[in-house]
Amino acid sequence: MDDLQFPPWRPDSTETVVSDQPAFHGCDEVIDTFAAKANATATNRVYTQSQQWGDVVRARVVDDNPNTSPTLITCWTGSGGGLQFVIQAEGYQ
């Protein structure tokens, strides 16, 4: 598991779940922008802090179309301070 290029969709035991904090603002903006451009809604946000990944936000993006799967977005700060994110279709992570 050490060779992962991005945080797993489900927080692992090394992450601490926290409430929304100013440190997550950039990731929240990324998620909100993606959801808006997809005419969808970001739901089920989980905020964690990780020694490996930094501040991590995970969210599901869903729209009104029953024929599409939710999109999973994971956004994290990383060690360099910049934001990084990965987008996955639910069921393929």
N, C-alpha and C. Protein backbone atom coordinates (compact mmCIF):
# COMPACT_ATOMS: atom_id res chain seq x y z
N MET A 1 0.80 -1.19 0.00
CA MET A 1 0.00 0.00 0.00
C MET A 1 0.85 1.26 0.00
N ASP A 2 2.11 1.15 0.28
CA ASP A 2 2.99 2.31 0.31
C ASP A 2 3.19 2.93 -1.07
N ASP A 3 2.84 2.21 -2.13
CA ASP A 3 3.06 2.73 -3.46
C ASP A 3 1.87 3.50 -4.02
N LEU A 4 0.86 3.76 -3.21
CA LEU A 4 -0.29 4.55 -3.66
C LEU A 4 0.15 5.95 -4.05
N GLN A 5 -0.40 6.46 -5.14
CA GLN A 5 -0.09 7.81 -5.59
C GLN A 5 -1.08 8.84 -5.04
N PHE A 6 -2.15 8.34 -4.41
CA PHE A 6 -3.15 9.23 -3.84
C PHE A 6 -3.82 8.50 -2.69
N PRO A 7 -4.47 9.26 -1.78
CA PRO A 7 -5.12 8.62 -0.63
C PRO A 7 -6.22 7.67 -1.07
N PRO A 8 -6.39 6.56 -0.38
CA PRO A 8 -7.49 5.65 -0.72
C PRO A 8 -8.83 6.33 -0.45
N TRP A 9 -9.88 5.83 -1.12
CA TRP A 9 -11.20 6.45 -0.95
C TRP A 9 -11.66 6.40 0.49
N ARG A 10 -11.43 5.31 1.16
CA ARG A 10 -11.84 5.20 2.56
C ARG A 10 -10.64 5.52 3.46
N PRO A 11 -10.84 6.42 4.42
CA PRO A 11 -9.73 6.75 5.32
C PRO A 11 -9.22 5.48 6.01
N ASP A 12 -7.91 5.40 6.19
CA ASP A 12 -7.36 4.24 6.88
C ASP A 12 -7.08 4.58 8.34
N SER A 13 -6.54 3.63 9.06
CA SER A 13 -6.36 3.79 10.51
C SER A 13 -5.31 4.83 10.87
N THR A 14 -4.51 5.29 9.92
CA THR A 14 -3.50 6.30 10.22
C THR A 14 -4.04 7.72 10.09
N GLU A 15 -5.27 7.86 9.62
CA GLU A 15 -5.88 9.18 9.45
C GLU A 15 -6.79 9.51 10.63
N THR A 16 -6.86 10.79 10.94
CA THR A 16 -7.73 11.26 12.01
C THR A 16 -8.87 12.05 11.38
N VAL A 17 -10.10 11.64 11.66
CA VAL A 17 -11.27 12.36 11.16
C VAL A 17 -11.43 13.62 11.99
N VAL A 18 -11.61 14.75 11.31
CA VAL A 18 -11.76 16.05 11.97
C VAL A 18 -12.95 16.77 11.38
N SER A 19 -13.35 17.86 12.05
CA SER A 19 -14.44 18.68 11.49
C SER A 19 -13.85 19.62 10.45
N ASP A 20 -14.71 20.21 9.66
CA ASP A 20 -14.29 21.17 8.63
C ASP A 20 -13.48 22.27 9.30
N GLN A 21 -12.35 22.60 8.70
CA GLN A 21 -11.47 23.64 9.22
C GLN A 21 -11.01 24.52 8.07
N PRO A 22 -10.49 25.72 8.36
CA PRO A 22 -10.01 26.59 7.28
C PRO A 22 -8.97 25.92 6.38
N ALA A 23 -8.19 24.98 6.91
CA ALA A 23 -7.17 24.30 6.12
C ALA A 23 -7.77 23.54 4.94
N PHE A 24 -9.05 23.21 5.01
CA PHE A 24 -9.70 22.44 3.96
C PHE A 24 -10.38 23.32 2.91
N HIS A 25 -10.32 24.62 3.06
CA HIS A 25 -11.05 25.54 2.19
C HIS A 25 -10.70 25.35 0.71
N GLY A 26 -9.44 25.20 0.39
CA GLY A 26 -9.03 25.02 -1.01
C GLY A 26 -9.63 23.76 -1.62
N CYS A 27 -9.61 22.67 -0.88
CA CYS A 27 -10.19 21.42 -1.38
C CYS A 27 -11.70 21.55 -1.51
N ASP A 28 -12.34 22.22 -0.58
CA ASP A 28 -13.78 22.43 -0.69
C ASP A 28 -14.11 23.21 -1.97
N GLU A 29 -13.29 24.19 -2.31
CA GLU A 29 -13.52 24.96 -3.54
C GLU A 29 -13.37 24.08 -4.78
N VAL A 30 -12.36 23.21 -4.79
CA VAL A 30 -12.17 22.29 -5.92
C VAL A 30 -13.40 21.40 -6.08
N ILE A 31 -13.87 20.83 -4.98
CA ILE A 31 -15.02 19.92 -5.02
C ILE A 31 -16.27 20.67 -5.46
N ASP A 32 -16.50 21.86 -4.90
CA ASP A 32 -17.69 22.64 -5.26
C ASP A 32 -17.67 23.05 -6.74
N THR A 33 -16.50 23.42 -7.24
CA THR A 33 -16.38 23.81 -8.65
C THR A 33 -16.67 22.63 -9.56
N PHE A 34 -16.10 21.48 -9.24
CA PHE A 34 -16.36 20.28 -10.05
C PHE A 34 -17.84 19.95 -10.05
N ALA A 35 -18.47 19.96 -8.88
CA ALA A 35 -19.89 19.64 -8.77
C ALA A 35 -20.73 20.63 -9.58
N ALA A 36 -20.42 21.90 -9.48
CA ALA A 36 -21.19 22.92 -10.21
C ALA A 36 -21.08 22.72 -11.72
N LYS A 37 -19.88 22.44 -12.20
CA LYS A 37 -19.69 22.24 -13.65
C LYS A 37 -20.37 20.97 -14.14
N ALA A 38 -20.58 20.02 -13.23
CA ALA A 38 -21.26 18.77 -13.59
C ALA A 38 -22.77 18.85 -13.34
N ASN A 39 -23.27 20.03 -12.94
CA ASN A 39 -24.68 20.20 -12.57
C ASN A 39 -25.08 19.15 -11.54
N ALA A 40 -24.26 19.02 -10.53
CA ALA A 40 -24.45 17.99 -9.51
C ALA A 40 -24.25 18.61 -8.13
N THR A 41 -24.33 17.77 -7.12
CA THR A 41 -24.20 18.21 -5.73
C THR A 41 -23.14 17.37 -5.03
N ALA A 42 -22.27 18.03 -4.29
CA ALA A 42 -21.27 17.33 -3.48
C ALA A 42 -21.90 16.96 -2.14
N THR A 43 -21.78 15.69 -1.77
CA THR A 43 -22.38 15.19 -0.53
C THR A 43 -21.35 14.35 0.24
N ASN A 44 -21.72 13.97 1.43
CA ASN A 44 -20.96 13.02 2.25
C ASN A 44 -19.48 13.40 2.39
N ARG A 45 -19.20 14.65 2.66
CA ARG A 45 -17.79 15.05 2.82
C ARG A 45 -17.21 14.48 4.11
N VAL A 46 -15.99 13.99 3.98
CA VAL A 46 -15.26 13.49 5.15
C VAL A 46 -13.91 14.21 5.16
N TYR A 47 -13.59 14.83 6.30
CA TYR A 47 -12.36 15.59 6.46
C TYR A 47 -11.43 14.80 7.37
N THR A 48 -10.20 14.58 6.90
CA THR A 48 -9.23 13.86 7.72
C THR A 48 -7.87 14.55 7.65
N GLN A 49 -7.04 14.22 8.61
CA GLN A 49 -5.65 14.66 8.59
C GLN A 49 -4.78 13.41 8.65
N SER A 50 -3.76 13.42 7.81
CA SER A 50 -2.90 12.26 7.65
C SER A 50 -1.45 12.71 7.63
N GLN A 51 -0.60 11.96 8.29
CA GLN A 51 0.82 12.28 8.25
C GLN A 51 1.36 12.10 6.83
N GLN A 52 0.85 11.11 6.11
CA GLN A 52 1.32 10.83 4.76
C GLN A 52 0.76 11.80 3.73
N TRP A 53 -0.55 12.13 3.84
CA TRP A 53 -1.23 12.89 2.79
C TRP A 53 -1.52 14.33 3.16
N GLY A 54 -1.41 14.71 4.39
CA GLY A 54 -1.77 16.06 4.83
C GLY A 54 -3.26 16.14 5.10
N ASP A 55 -3.86 17.29 4.79
CA ASP A 55 -5.30 17.47 4.96
C ASP A 55 -6.01 16.86 3.76
N VAL A 56 -7.00 15.99 4.04
CA VAL A 56 -7.69 15.25 2.98
C VAL A 56 -9.19 15.49 3.09
N VAL A 57 -9.83 15.76 1.95
CA VAL A 57 -11.29 15.86 1.90
C VAL A 57 -11.77 14.85 0.86
N ARG A 58 -12.77 14.06 1.25
CA ARG A 58 -13.38 13.11 0.32
C ARG A 58 -14.86 13.46 0.21
N ALA A 59 -15.40 13.41 -1.01
CA ALA A 59 -16.81 13.73 -1.23
C ALA A 59 -17.36 12.92 -2.38
N ARG A 60 -18.66 12.67 -2.32
CA ARG A 60 -19.39 12.05 -3.45
C ARG A 60 -20.09 13.17 -4.19
N VAL A 61 -20.04 13.12 -5.51
CA VAL A 61 -20.74 14.10 -6.34
C VAL A 61 -21.83 13.34 -7.08
N VAL A 62 -23.07 13.75 -6.85
CA VAL A 62 -24.22 13.05 -7.43
C VAL A 62 -25.09 14.04 -8.21
N ASP A 63 -25.72 13.52 -9.26
CA ASP A 63 -26.66 14.35 -10.01
C ASP A 63 -28.03 13.68 -9.98
N ASP A 64 -29.00 14.25 -10.68
CA ASP A 64 -30.37 13.74 -10.65
C ASP A 64 -30.60 12.57 -11.60
N ASN A 65 -29.62 12.23 -12.41
CA ASN A 65 -29.78 11.15 -13.38
C ASN A 65 -29.60 9.80 -12.69
N PRO A 66 -30.65 8.98 -12.64
CA PRO A 66 -30.54 7.68 -11.96
C PRO A 66 -29.66 6.69 -12.72
N ASN A 67 -29.28 7.01 -13.96
CA ASN A 67 -28.47 6.09 -14.76
C ASN A 67 -26.97 6.36 -14.64
N THR A 68 -26.57 7.33 -13.84
CA THR A 68 -25.15 7.60 -13.67
C THR A 68 -24.71 7.26 -12.26
N SER A 69 -23.49 6.79 -12.16
CA SER A 69 -22.91 6.50 -10.85
C SER A 69 -22.37 7.77 -10.23
N PRO A 70 -22.40 7.86 -8.91
CA PRO A 70 -21.77 9.02 -8.27
C PRO A 70 -20.28 9.06 -8.60
N THR A 71 -19.75 10.25 -8.56
CA THR A 71 -18.33 10.46 -8.75
C THR A 71 -17.71 10.69 -7.38
N LEU A 72 -16.56 10.07 -7.15
CA LEU A 72 -15.86 10.23 -5.89
C LEU A 72 -14.67 11.16 -6.11
N ILE A 73 -14.56 12.18 -5.29
CA ILE A 73 -13.43 13.11 -5.38
C ILE A 73 -12.66 13.05 -4.08
N THR A 74 -11.36 12.87 -4.20
CA THR A 74 -10.46 12.95 -3.06
C THR A 74 -9.49 14.09 -3.34
N CYS A 75 -9.41 15.04 -2.43
CA CYS A 75 -8.53 16.19 -2.57
C CYS A 75 -7.65 16.26 -1.33
N TRP A 76 -6.35 16.54 -1.53
CA TRP A 76 -5.44 16.60 -0.40
C TRP A 76 -4.38 17.66 -0.62
N THR A 77 -3.76 18.07 0.48
CA THR A 77 -2.78 19.15 0.41
C THR A 77 -1.40 18.65 0.04
N GLY A 78 -1.03 17.47 0.42
CA GLY A 78 0.30 16.96 0.10
C GLY A 78 1.39 17.70 0.84
N SER A 79 2.60 17.24 0.72
CA SER A 79 3.72 17.80 1.47
C SER A 79 4.22 19.11 0.88
N GLY A 80 3.97 19.35 -0.40
CA GLY A 80 4.45 20.56 -1.04
C GLY A 80 3.56 21.77 -0.84
N GLY A 81 2.42 21.57 -0.22
CA GLY A 81 1.51 22.67 0.06
C GLY A 81 0.47 22.93 -1.01
N GLY A 82 0.67 22.44 -2.22
CA GLY A 82 -0.31 22.62 -3.27
C GLY A 82 -1.42 21.59 -3.17
N LEU A 83 -2.55 21.88 -3.81
CA LEU A 83 -3.67 20.94 -3.81
C LEU A 83 -3.50 19.90 -4.90
N GLN A 84 -3.90 18.69 -4.59
CA GLN A 84 -3.93 17.61 -5.56
C GLN A 84 -5.29 16.94 -5.42
N PHE A 85 -5.80 16.36 -6.50
CA PHE A 85 -7.06 15.64 -6.38
C PHE A 85 -7.13 14.52 -7.39
N VAL A 86 -7.98 13.56 -7.07
CA VAL A 86 -8.23 12.44 -7.97
C VAL A 86 -9.74 12.27 -8.05
N ILE A 87 -10.22 11.93 -9.24
CA ILE A 87 -11.64 11.73 -9.50
C ILE A 87 -11.84 10.30 -9.95
N GLN A 88 -12.78 9.60 -9.30
CA GLN A 88 -13.04 8.20 -9.62
C GLN A 88 -14.54 7.98 -9.73
N ALA A 89 -14.95 7.06 -10.58
CA ALA A 89 -16.35 6.64 -10.61
C ALA A 89 -16.58 5.68 -9.46
N GLU A 90 -17.68 5.85 -8.78
CA GLU A 90 -17.97 4.96 -7.65
C GLU A 90 -18.06 3.52 -8.16
N GLY A 91 -17.44 2.62 -7.44
CA GLY A 91 -17.42 1.22 -7.83
C GLY A 91 -16.15 0.81 -8.55
N TYR A 92 -15.30 1.78 -8.89
CA TYR A 92 -14.05 1.48 -9.61
C TYR A 92 -12.82 1.86 -8.82
N GLN A 93 -12.97 2.14 -7.53
CA GLN A 93 -11.81 2.57 -6.75
C GLN A 93 -11.08 1.41 -6.17
